[in-house]
């Protein structure tokens, strides 16, 4: 298959759109859906593809103890009662200013 040969050649593009464009130049007409399915089945593509980055909102904190973040941890039935004084839950609070 032309797609597999192109994908495994050194320096070949790895995105579906770029592969489609290069295949079209070679006279091979495949849909984006077919190319995406091929890439999803390729282990090397799954491991080395670029991850999507999240655009996170930046918090502006002016002074210590202004804002806090908290998280509730449940240790479950596997928690050893002696090592944590019988506590099955932990509340973790972090001052956002100290995180910066």
PDB file of N, CA and C in Angstrom:
ATOM      1  N   UNK A   1       0.850  -1.187   0.000  1.00  0.00           N
ATOM      2  CA  UNK A   1       0.000   0.000   0.000  1.00  0.00           C
ATOM      3  C   UNK A   1       0.888   1.239   0.000  1.00  0.00           C
ATOM      4  N   UNK A   2       0.537   2.175  -0.833  1.00  0.00           N
ATOM      5  CA  UNK A   2       1.301   3.414  -0.986  1.00  0.00           C
ATOM      6  C   UNK A   2       1.366   4.207   0.321  1.00  0.00           C
ATOM      7  N   UNK A   3       0.282   4.219   1.090  1.00  0.00           N
ATOM      8  CA  UNK A   3       0.236   4.967   2.349  1.00  0.00           C
ATOM      9  C   UNK A   3       1.254   4.421   3.347  1.00  0.00           C
ATOM     10  N   UNK A   4       1.331   3.115   3.504  1.00  0.00           N
ATOM     11  CA  UNK A   4       2.280   2.503   4.442  1.00  0.00           C
ATOM     12  C   UNK A   4       3.718   2.786   4.023  1.00  0.00           C
ATOM     13  N   UNK A   5       4.004   2.688   2.733  1.00  0.00           N
ATOM     14  CA  UNK A   5       5.358   2.966   2.250  1.00  0.00           C
ATOM     15  C   UNK A   5       5.739   4.417   2.498  1.00  0.00           C
ATOM     16  N   UNK A   6       4.808   5.317   2.248  1.00  0.00           N
ATOM     17  CA  UNK A   6       5.069   6.736   2.455  1.00  0.00           C
ATOM     18  C   UNK A   6       5.248   7.042   3.937  1.00  0.00           C
ATOM     19  N   UNK A   7       4.394   6.490   4.776  1.00  0.00           N
ATOM     20  CA  UNK A   7       4.457   6.765   6.212  1.00  0.00           C
ATOM     21  C   UNK A   7       5.773   6.276   6.819  1.00  0.00           C
ATOM     22  N   UNK A   8       6.249   5.118   6.385  1.00  0.00           N
ATOM     23  CA  UNK A   8       7.454   4.535   6.967  1.00  0.00           C
ATOM     24  C   UNK A   8       8.743   5.055   6.341  1.00  0.00           C
ATOM     25  N   UNK A   9       8.655   5.904   5.331  1.00  0.00           N
ATOM     26  CA  UNK A   9       9.869   6.472   4.755  1.00  0.00           C
ATOM     27  C   UNK A   9      10.364   7.613   5.648  1.00  0.00           C
ATOM     28  N   UNK A  10      11.692   7.752   5.806  1.00  0.00           N
ATOM     29  CA  UNK A  10      12.242   8.797   6.671  1.00  0.00           C
ATOM     30  C   UNK A  10      11.868  10.193   6.173  1.00  0.00           C
ATOM     31  N   UNK A  11      11.517  11.059   7.106  1.00  0.00           N
ATOM     32  CA  UNK A  11      11.189  12.437   6.767  1.00  0.00           C
ATOM     33  C   UNK A  11       9.784  12.652   6.262  1.00  0.00           C
ATOM     34  N   UNK A  12       8.975  11.612   6.248  1.00  0.00           N
ATOM     35  CA  UNK A  12       7.597  11.746   5.765  1.00  0.00           C
ATOM     36  C   UNK A  12       6.745  12.457   6.813  1.00  0.00           C
ATOM     37  N   UNK A  13       5.726  13.188   6.378  1.00  0.00           N
ATOM     38  CA  UNK A  13       4.834  13.838   7.341  1.00  0.00           C
ATOM     39  C   UNK A  13       4.028  12.801   8.118  1.00  0.00           C
ATOM     40  N   UNK A  14       3.558  13.196   9.295  1.00  0.00           N
ATOM     41  CA  UNK A  14       2.821  12.252  10.132  1.00  0.00           C
ATOM     42  C   UNK A  14       1.389  12.680  10.406  1.00  0.00           C
ATOM     43  N   UNK A  15       0.994  13.868   9.996  1.00  0.00           N
ATOM     44  CA  UNK A  15      -0.390  14.285  10.222  1.00  0.00           C
ATOM     45  C   UNK A  15      -1.260  13.793   9.066  1.00  0.00           C
ATOM     46  N   UNK A  16      -2.532  13.520   9.335  1.00  0.00           N
ATOM     47  CA  UNK A  16      -3.421  13.032   8.273  1.00  0.00           C
ATOM     48  C   UNK A  16      -3.529  13.996   7.091  1.00  0.00           C
ATOM     49  N   UNK A  17      -3.628  15.286   7.373  1.00  0.00           N
ATOM     50  CA  UNK A  17      -3.785  16.267   6.292  1.00  0.00           C
ATOM     51  C   UNK A  17      -2.532  16.326   5.413  1.00  0.00           C
ATOM     52  N   UNK A  18      -1.358  16.305   6.042  1.00  0.00           N
ATOM     53  CA  UNK A  18      -0.112  16.362   5.279  1.00  0.00           C
ATOM     54  C   UNK A  18       0.088  15.090   4.457  1.00  0.00           C
ATOM     55  N   UNK A  19      -0.271  13.948   5.030  1.00  0.00           N
ATOM     56  CA  UNK A  19      -0.175  12.695   4.274  1.00  0.00           C
ATOM     57  C   UNK A  19      -1.125  12.698   3.087  1.00  0.00           C
ATOM     58  N   UNK A  20      -2.341  13.202   3.280  1.00  0.00           N
ATOM     59  CA  UNK A  20      -3.325  13.267   2.185  1.00  0.00           C
ATOM     60  C   UNK A  20      -2.808  14.146   1.055  1.00  0.00           C
ATOM     61  N   UNK A  21      -2.215  15.277   1.423  1.00  0.00           N
ATOM     62  CA  UNK A  21      -1.689  16.203   0.420  1.00  0.00           C
ATOM     63  C   UNK A  21      -0.554  15.558  -0.383  1.00  0.00           C
ATOM     64  N   UNK A  22       0.343  14.865   0.313  1.00  0.00           N
ATOM     65  CA  UNK A  22       1.461  14.216  -0.363  1.00  0.00           C
ATOM     66  C   UNK A  22       0.992  13.052  -1.242  1.00  0.00           C
ATOM     67  N   UNK A  23       0.002  12.308  -0.743  1.00  0.00           N
ATOM     68  CA  UNK A  23      -0.556  11.215  -1.543  1.00  0.00           C
ATOM     69  C   UNK A  23      -1.264  11.749  -2.784  1.00  0.00           C
ATOM     70  N   UNK A  24      -1.942  12.884  -2.647  1.00  0.00           N
ATOM     71  CA  UNK A  24      -2.633  13.483  -3.795  1.00  0.00           C
ATOM     72  C   UNK A  24      -1.631  13.885  -4.874  1.00  0.00           C
ATOM     73  N   UNK A  25      -0.453  14.379  -4.454  1.00  0.00           N
ATOM     74  CA  UNK A  25       0.591  14.729  -5.423  1.00  0.00           C
ATOM     75  C   UNK A  25       1.076  13.501  -6.185  1.00  0.00           C
ATOM     76  N   UNK A  26       1.023  12.340  -5.521  1.00  0.00           N
ATOM     77  CA  UNK A  26       1.456  11.088  -6.149  1.00  0.00           C
ATOM     78  C   UNK A  26       0.317  10.403  -6.897  1.00  0.00           C
ATOM     79  N   UNK A  27      -0.865  11.008  -6.898  1.00  0.00           N
ATOM     80  CA  UNK A  27      -1.988  10.459  -7.640  1.00  0.00           C
ATOM     81  C   UNK A  27      -2.821   9.447  -6.877  1.00  0.00           C
ATOM     82  N   UNK A  28      -2.639   9.354  -5.567  1.00  0.00           N
ATOM     83  CA  UNK A  28      -3.412   8.421  -4.742  1.00  0.00           C
ATOM     84  C   UNK A  28      -4.476   9.227  -4.008  1.00  0.00           C
ATOM     85  N   UNK A  29      -5.731   8.845  -4.183  1.00  0.00           N
ATOM     86  CA  UNK A  29      -6.830   9.581  -3.569  1.00  0.00           C
ATOM     87  C   UNK A  29      -7.413   8.764  -2.412  1.00  0.00           C
ATOM     88  N   UNK A  30      -7.053   9.126  -1.180  1.00  0.00           N
ATOM     89  CA  UNK A  30      -7.595   8.484   0.019  1.00  0.00           C
ATOM     90  C   UNK A  30      -8.281   9.540   0.875  1.00  0.00           C
ATOM     91  N   UNK A  31      -9.295   9.127   1.600  1.00  0.00           N
ATOM     92  CA  UNK A  31     -10.001  10.074   2.467  1.00  0.00           C
ATOM     93  C   UNK A  31      -9.219  10.281   3.760  1.00  0.00           C
ATOM     94  N   UNK A  32      -9.482  11.405   4.404  1.00  0.00           N
ATOM     95  CA  UNK A  32      -8.866  11.703   5.700  1.00  0.00           C
ATOM     96  C   UNK A  32      -9.234  10.620   6.711  1.00  0.00           C
ATOM     97  N   UNK A  33     -10.467  10.129   6.625  1.00  0.00           N
ATOM     98  CA  UNK A  33     -10.936   9.097   7.550  1.00  0.00           C
ATOM     99  C   UNK A  33     -10.094   7.826   7.414  1.00  0.00           C
ATOM    100  N   UNK A  34      -9.783   7.433   6.194  1.00  0.00           N
ATOM    101  CA  UNK A  34      -8.967   6.247   5.945  1.00  0.00           C
ATOM    102  C   UNK A  34      -7.546   6.443   6.472  1.00  0.00           C
ATOM    103  N   UNK A  35      -6.992   7.615   6.237  1.00  0.00           N
ATOM    104  CA  UNK A  35      -5.633   7.909   6.692  1.00  0.00           C
ATOM    105  C   UNK A  35      -5.586   7.954   8.218  1.00  0.00           C
ATOM    106  N   UNK A  36      -6.595   8.567   8.840  1.00  0.00           N
ATOM    107  CA  UNK A  36      -6.656   8.637  10.302  1.00  0.00           C
ATOM    108  C   UNK A  36      -6.762   7.245  10.900  1.00  0.00           C
ATOM    109  N   UNK A  37      -7.569   6.382  10.301  1.00  0.00           N
ATOM    110  CA  UNK A  37      -7.711   5.003  10.775  1.00  0.00           C
ATOM    111  C   UNK A  37      -6.371   4.272  10.677  1.00  0.00           C
ATOM    112  N   UNK A  38      -5.662   4.470   9.563  1.00  0.00           N
ATOM    113  CA  UNK A  38      -4.345   3.861   9.390  1.00  0.00           C
ATOM    114  C   UNK A  38      -3.384   4.334  10.484  1.00  0.00           C
ATOM    115  N   UNK A  39      -3.381   5.647  10.766  1.00  0.00           N
ATOM    116  CA  UNK A  39      -2.477   6.195  11.775  1.00  0.00           C
ATOM    117  C   UNK A  39      -2.819   5.702  13.176  1.00  0.00           C
ATOM    118  N   UNK A  40      -4.096   5.523  13.459  1.00  0.00           N
ATOM    119  CA  UNK A  40      -4.502   5.028  14.774  1.00  0.00           C
ATOM    120  C   UNK A  40      -4.046   3.588  14.989  1.00  0.00           C
ATOM    121  N   UNK A  41      -3.916   2.835  13.921  1.00  0.00           N
ATOM    122  CA  UNK A  41      -3.463   1.449  14.022  1.00  0.00           C
ATOM    123  C   UNK A  41      -1.939   1.329  14.106  1.00  0.00           C
ATOM    124  N   UNK A  42      -1.234   2.404  13.784  1.00  0.00           N
ATOM    125  CA  UNK A  42       0.227   2.394  13.828  1.00  0.00           C
ATOM    126  C   UNK A  42       0.704   2.695  15.246  1.00  0.00           C
ATOM    127  N   UNK A  43       1.420   1.764  15.850  1.00  0.00           N
ATOM    128  CA  UNK A  43       1.884   1.939  17.228  1.00  0.00           C
ATOM    129  C   UNK A  43       2.863   3.110  17.342  1.00  0.00           C
ATOM    130  N   UNK A  44       3.757   3.250  16.381  1.00  0.00           N
ATOM    131  CA  UNK A  44       4.744   4.330  16.434  1.00  0.00           C
ATOM    132  C   UNK A  44       4.066   5.696  16.416  1.00  0.00           C
ATOM    133  N   UNK A  45       2.990   5.830  15.658  1.00  0.00           N
ATOM    134  CA  UNK A  45       2.270   7.106  15.605  1.00  0.00           C
ATOM    135  C   UNK A  45       1.596   7.396  16.939  1.00  0.00           C
ATOM    136  N   UNK A  46       1.058   6.377  17.572  1.00  0.00           N
ATOM    137  CA  UNK A  46       0.390   6.562  18.860  1.00  0.00           C
ATOM    138  C   UNK A  46       1.379   7.016  19.922  1.00  0.00           C
ATOM    139  N   UNK A  47       2.593   6.498  19.882  1.00  0.00           N
ATOM    140  CA  UNK A  47       3.582   6.821  20.905  1.00  0.00           C
ATOM    141  C   UNK A  47       4.210   8.190  20.667  1.00  0.00           C
ATOM    142  N   UNK A  48       4.505   8.528  19.415  1.00  0.00           N
ATOM    143  CA  UNK A  48       5.294   9.714  19.118  1.00  0.00           C
ATOM    144  C   UNK A  48       4.500  10.925  18.636  1.00  0.00           C
ATOM    145  N   UNK A  49       3.193  10.811  18.508  1.00  0.00           N
ATOM    146  CA  UNK A  49       2.437  11.966  18.020  1.00  0.00           C
ATOM    147  C   UNK A  49       2.435  13.073  19.063  1.00  0.00           C
ATOM    148  N   UNK A  50       2.287  14.297  18.596  1.00  0.00           N
ATOM    149  CA  UNK A  50       2.275  15.440  19.501  1.00  0.00           C
ATOM    150  C   UNK A  50       0.958  15.464  20.268  1.00  0.00           C
ATOM    151  N   UNK A  51       1.053  15.740  21.538  1.00  0.00           N
ATOM    152  CA  UNK A  51      -0.132  15.804  22.381  1.00  0.00           C
ATOM    153  C   UNK A  51      -0.766  17.186  22.269  1.00  0.00           C
ATOM    154  N   UNK A  52      -2.073  17.219  22.363  1.00  0.00           N
ATOM    155  CA  UNK A  52      -2.766  18.498  22.347  1.00  0.00           C
ATOM    156  C   UNK A  52      -2.554  19.192  23.682  1.00  0.00           C
ATOM    157  N   UNK A  53      -2.222  20.453  23.627  1.00  0.00           N
ATOM    158  CA  UNK A  53      -2.011  21.217  24.853  1.00  0.00           C
ATOM    159  C   UNK A  53      -3.286  21.963  25.215  1.00  0.00           C
ATOM    160  N   UNK A  54      -3.560  21.978  26.494  1.00  0.00           N
ATOM    161  CA  UNK A  54      -4.720  22.705  26.977  1.00  0.00           C
ATOM    162  C   UNK A  54      -4.346  24.158  27.214  1.00  0.00           C
ATOM    163  N   UNK A  55      -5.220  25.061  26.835  1.00  0.00           N
ATOM    164  CA  UNK A  55      -5.027  26.466  27.152  1.00  0.00           C
ATOM    165  C   UNK A  55      -5.659  26.725  28.510  1.00  0.00           C
ATOM    166  N   UNK A  56      -4.815  26.803  29.517  1.00  0.00           N
ATOM    167  CA  UNK A  56      -5.309  26.992  30.869  1.00  0.00           C
ATOM    168  C   UNK A  56      -5.321  28.474  31.214  1.00  0.00           C
ATOM    169  N   UNK A  57      -6.329  28.870  31.958  1.00  0.00           N
ATOM    170  CA  UNK A  57      -6.399  30.250  32.413  1.00  0.00           C
ATOM    171  C   UNK A  57      -5.407  30.449  33.553  1.00  0.00           C
ATOM    172  N   UNK A  58      -4.659  31.519  33.475  1.00  0.00           N
ATOM    173  CA  UNK A  58      -3.664  31.807  34.491  1.00  0.00           C
ATOM    174  C   UNK A  58      -4.334  32.591  35.613  1.00  0.00           C
ATOM    175  N   UNK A  59      -4.143  32.134  36.841  1.00  0.00           N
ATOM    176  CA  UNK A  59      -4.712  32.820  37.998  1.00  0.00           C
ATOM    177  C   UNK A  59      -3.705  33.839  38.516  1.00  0.00           C
ATOM    178  N   UNK A  60      -4.179  35.038  38.817  1.00  0.00           N
ATOM    179  CA  UNK A  60      -3.335  36.076  39.386  1.00  0.00           C
ATOM    180  C   UNK A  60      -3.684  36.217  40.855  1.00  0.00           C
ATOM    181  N   UNK A  61      -2.732  35.881  41.709  1.00  0.00           N
ATOM    182  CA  UNK A  61      -2.934  35.974  43.149  1.00  0.00           C
ATOM    183  C   UNK A  61      -1.986  37.038  43.670  1.00  0.00           C
ATOM    184  N   UNK A  62      -2.511  37.950  44.465  1.00  0.00           N
ATOM    185  CA  UNK A  62      -1.710  39.096  44.902  1.00  0.00           C
ATOM    186  C   UNK A  62      -1.039  38.900  46.249  1.00  0.00           C
ATOM    187  N   UNK A  63      -1.596  38.053  47.097  1.00  0.00           N
ATOM    188  CA  UNK A  63      -1.032  37.896  48.441  1.00  0.00           C
ATOM    189  C   UNK A  63      -1.222  36.462  48.917  1.00  0.00           C
ATOM    190  N   UNK A  64      -0.392  36.038  49.863  1.00  0.00           N
ATOM    191  CA  UNK A  64      -0.574  34.697  50.426  1.00  0.00           C
ATOM    192  C   UNK A  64      -1.929  34.566  51.112  1.00  0.00           C
ATOM    193  N   UNK A  65      -2.470  33.392  51.081  1.00  0.00           N
ATOM    194  CA  UNK A  65      -3.736  33.038  51.737  1.00  0.00           C
ATOM    195  C   UNK A  65      -4.954  33.741  51.121  1.00  0.00           C
ATOM    196  N   UNK A  66      -4.815  34.283  49.918  1.00  0.00           N
ATOM    197  CA  UNK A  66      -5.957  34.882  49.212  1.00  0.00           C
ATOM    198  C   UNK A  66      -6.871  33.795  48.655  1.00  0.00           C
ATOM    199  N   UNK A  67      -6.275  32.851  47.946  1.00  0.00           N
ATOM    200  CA  UNK A  67      -7.048  31.767  47.331  1.00  0.00           C
ATOM    201  C   UNK A  67      -6.419  30.431  47.669  1.00  0.00           C
ATOM    202  N   UNK A  68      -7.303  29.441  47.795  1.00  0.00           N
ATOM    203  CA  UNK A  68      -6.867  28.093  48.133  1.00  0.00           C
ATOM    204  C   UNK A  68      -7.398  27.106  47.105  1.00  0.00           C
ATOM    205  N   UNK A  69      -6.659  26.024  46.910  1.00  0.00           N
ATOM    206  CA  UNK A  69      -7.137  24.887  46.134  1.00  0.00           C
ATOM    207  C   UNK A  69      -7.221  23.708  47.082  1.00  0.00           C
ATOM    208  N   UNK A  70      -8.252  22.905  46.906  1.00  0.00           N
ATOM    209  CA  UNK A  70      -8.389  21.752  47.795  1.00  0.00           C
ATOM    210  C   UNK A  70      -8.727  20.509  46.982  1.00  0.00           C
ATOM    211  N   UNK A  71      -8.390  19.385  47.555  1.00  0.00           N
ATOM    212  CA  UNK A  71      -8.680  18.108  46.919  1.00  0.00           C
ATOM    213  C   UNK A  71      -8.991  17.095  48.010  1.00  0.00           C
ATOM    214  N   UNK A  72      -9.948  16.234  47.734  1.00  0.00           N
ATOM    215  CA  UNK A  72     -10.396  15.223  48.685  1.00  0.00           C
ATOM    216  C   UNK A  72      -9.878  13.876  48.217  1.00  0.00           C
ATOM    217  N   UNK A  73      -9.066  13.221  49.049  1.00  0.00           N
ATOM    218  CA  UNK A  73      -8.514  11.918  48.703  1.00  0.00           C
ATOM    219  C   UNK A  73      -9.214  10.837  49.509  1.00  0.00           C
ATOM    220  N   UNK A  74      -9.681   9.815  48.833  1.00  0.00           N
ATOM    221  CA  UNK A  74     -10.263   8.654  49.496  1.00  0.00           C
ATOM    222  C   UNK A  74      -9.283   7.506  49.346  1.00  0.00           C
ATOM    223  N   UNK A  75      -8.822   6.985  50.462  1.00  0.00           N
ATOM    224  CA  UNK A  75      -7.817   5.926  50.423  1.00  0.00           C
ATOM    225  C   UNK A  75      -8.421   4.571  50.118  1.00  0.00           C
ATOM    226  N   UNK A  76      -9.701   4.399  50.375  1.00  0.00           N
ATOM    227  CA  UNK A  76     -10.381   3.153  50.046  1.00  0.00           C
ATOM    228  C   UNK A  76     -10.104   2.054  51.050  1.00  0.00           C
ATOM    229  N   UNK A  77     -10.501   0.857  50.707  1.00  0.00           N
ATOM    230  CA  UNK A  77     -10.373  -0.283  51.611  1.00  0.00           C
ATOM    231  C   UNK A  77      -8.953  -0.816  51.706  1.00  0.00           C
ATOM    232  N   UNK A  78      -8.092  -0.430  50.769  1.00  0.00           N
ATOM    233  CA  UNK A  78      -6.720  -0.937  50.764  1.00  0.00           C
ATOM    234  C   UNK A  78      -5.818  -0.204  51.749  1.00  0.00           C
ATOM    235  N   UNK A  79      -6.299   0.887  52.350  1.00  0.00           N
ATOM    236  CA  UNK A  79      -5.480   1.679  53.262  1.00  0.00           C
ATOM    237  C   UNK A  79      -5.202   0.892  54.540  1.00  0.00           C
ATOM    238  N   UNK A  80      -3.965   0.949  54.966  1.00  0.00           N
ATOM    239  CA  UNK A  80      -3.575   0.245  56.192  1.00  0.00           C
ATOM    240  C   UNK A  80      -3.929   1.122  57.389  1.00  0.00           C
ATOM    241  N   UNK A  81      -4.772   0.636  58.315  1.00  0.00           N
ATOM    242  CA  UNK A  81      -5.263   1.481  59.409  1.00  0.00           C
ATOM    243  C   UNK A  81      -4.172   1.986  60.350  1.00  0.00           C
ATOM    244  N   UNK A  82      -3.104   1.226  60.542  1.00  0.00           N
ATOM    245  CA  UNK A  82      -2.064   1.665  61.477  1.00  0.00           C
ATOM    246  C   UNK A  82      -1.195   2.770  60.887  1.00  0.00           C
ATOM    247  N   UNK A  83      -0.942   2.707  59.588  1.00  0.00           N
ATOM    248  CA  UNK A  83      -0.028   3.671  58.982  1.00  0.00           C
ATOM    249  C   UNK A  83      -0.635   5.063  58.871  1.00  0.00           C
ATOM    250  N   UNK A  84      -1.949   5.169  58.874  1.00  0.00           N
ATOM    251  CA  UNK A  84      -2.567   6.489  58.743  1.00  0.00           C
ATOM    252  C   UNK A  84      -3.567   6.767  59.865  1.00  0.00           C
ATOM    253  N   UNK A  85      -3.366   6.146  61.003  1.00  0.00           N
ATOM    254  CA  UNK A  85      -4.180   6.357  62.207  1.00  0.00           C
ATOM    255  C   UNK A  85      -5.662   6.093  61.960  1.00  0.00           C
ATOM    256  N   UNK A  86      -5.969   5.178  61.078  1.00  0.00           N
ATOM    257  CA  UNK A  86      -7.352   4.799  60.820  1.00  0.00           C
ATOM    258  C   UNK A  86      -8.110   5.735  59.891  1.00  0.00           C
ATOM    259  N   UNK A  87      -7.444   6.743  59.353  1.00  0.00           N
ATOM    260  CA  UNK A  87      -8.118   7.694  58.459  1.00  0.00           C
ATOM    261  C   UNK A  87      -8.273   7.089  57.067  1.00  0.00           C
ATOM    262  N   UNK A  88      -9.484   7.194  56.529  1.00  0.00           N
ATOM    263  CA  UNK A  88      -9.742   6.713  55.172  1.00  0.00           C
ATOM    264  C   UNK A  88      -9.824   7.857  54.169  1.00  0.00           C
ATOM    265  N   UNK A  89      -9.880   9.097  54.655  1.00  0.00           N
ATOM    266  CA  UNK A  89     -10.007  10.271  53.787  1.00  0.00           C
ATOM    267  C   UNK A  89      -8.965  11.308  54.194  1.00  0.00           C
ATOM    268  N   UNK A  90      -8.474  12.031  53.211  1.00  0.00           N
ATOM    269  CA  UNK A  90      -7.511  13.102  53.464  1.00  0.00           C
ATOM    270  C   UNK A  90      -7.979  14.331  52.693  1.00  0.00           C
ATOM    271  N   UNK A  91      -8.008  15.472  53.353  1.00  0.00           N
ATOM    272  CA  UNK A  91      -8.308  16.745  52.706  1.00  0.00           C
ATOM    273  C   UNK A  91      -6.988  17.479  52.517  1.00  0.00           C
ATOM    274  N   UNK A  92      -6.642  17.767  51.261  1.00  0.00           N
ATOM    275  CA  UNK A  92      -5.394  18.455  50.944  1.00  0.00           C
ATOM    276  C   UNK A  92      -5.741  19.870  50.520  1.00  0.00           C
ATOM    277  N   UNK A  93      -5.184  20.857  51.200  1.00  0.00           N
ATOM    278  CA  UNK A  93      -5.407  22.269  50.871  1.00  0.00           C
ATOM    279  C   UNK A  93      -4.061  22.913  50.562  1.00  0.00           C
ATOM    280  N   UNK A  94      -4.004  23.640  49.446  1.00  0.00           N
ATOM    281  CA  UNK A  94      -2.771  24.296  49.029  1.00  0.00           C
ATOM    282  C   UNK A  94      -3.081  25.756  48.752  1.00  0.00           C
ATOM    283  N   UNK A  95      -2.264  26.631  49.328  1.00  0.00           N
ATOM    284  CA  UNK A  95      -2.382  28.057  49.059  1.00  0.00           C
ATOM    285  C   UNK A  95      -1.868  28.307  47.640  1.00  0.00           C
ATOM    286  N   UNK A  96      -2.672  28.929  46.788  1.00  0.00           N
ATOM    287  CA  UNK A  96      -2.273  29.140  45.392  1.00  0.00           C
ATOM    288  C   UNK A  96      -1.043  30.030  45.281  1.00  0.00           C
ATOM    289  N   UNK A  97      -0.879  30.946  46.217  1.00  0.00           N
ATOM    290  CA  UNK A  97       0.274  31.844  46.185  1.00  0.00           C
ATOM    291  C   UNK A  97       1.570  31.058  46.361  1.00  0.00           C
ATOM    292  N   UNK A  98       1.566  30.074  47.239  1.00  0.00           N
ATOM    293  CA  UNK A  98       2.775  29.281  47.473  1.00  0.00           C
ATOM    294  C   UNK A  98       3.049  28.322  46.320  1.00  0.00           C
ATOM    295  N   UNK A  99       2.030  28.056  45.490  1.00  0.00           N
ATOM    296  CA  UNK A  99       2.208  27.188  44.321  1.00  0.00           C
ATOM    297  C   UNK A  99       2.952  27.891  43.196  1.00  0.00           C
ATOM    298  N   UNK A 100       2.873  29.208  43.165  1.00  0.00           N
ATOM    299  CA  UNK A 100       3.432  29.977  42.049  1.00  0.00           C
ATOM    300  C   UNK A 100       4.934  29.947  42.023  1.00  0.00           C
TER     301      UNK A 100
END
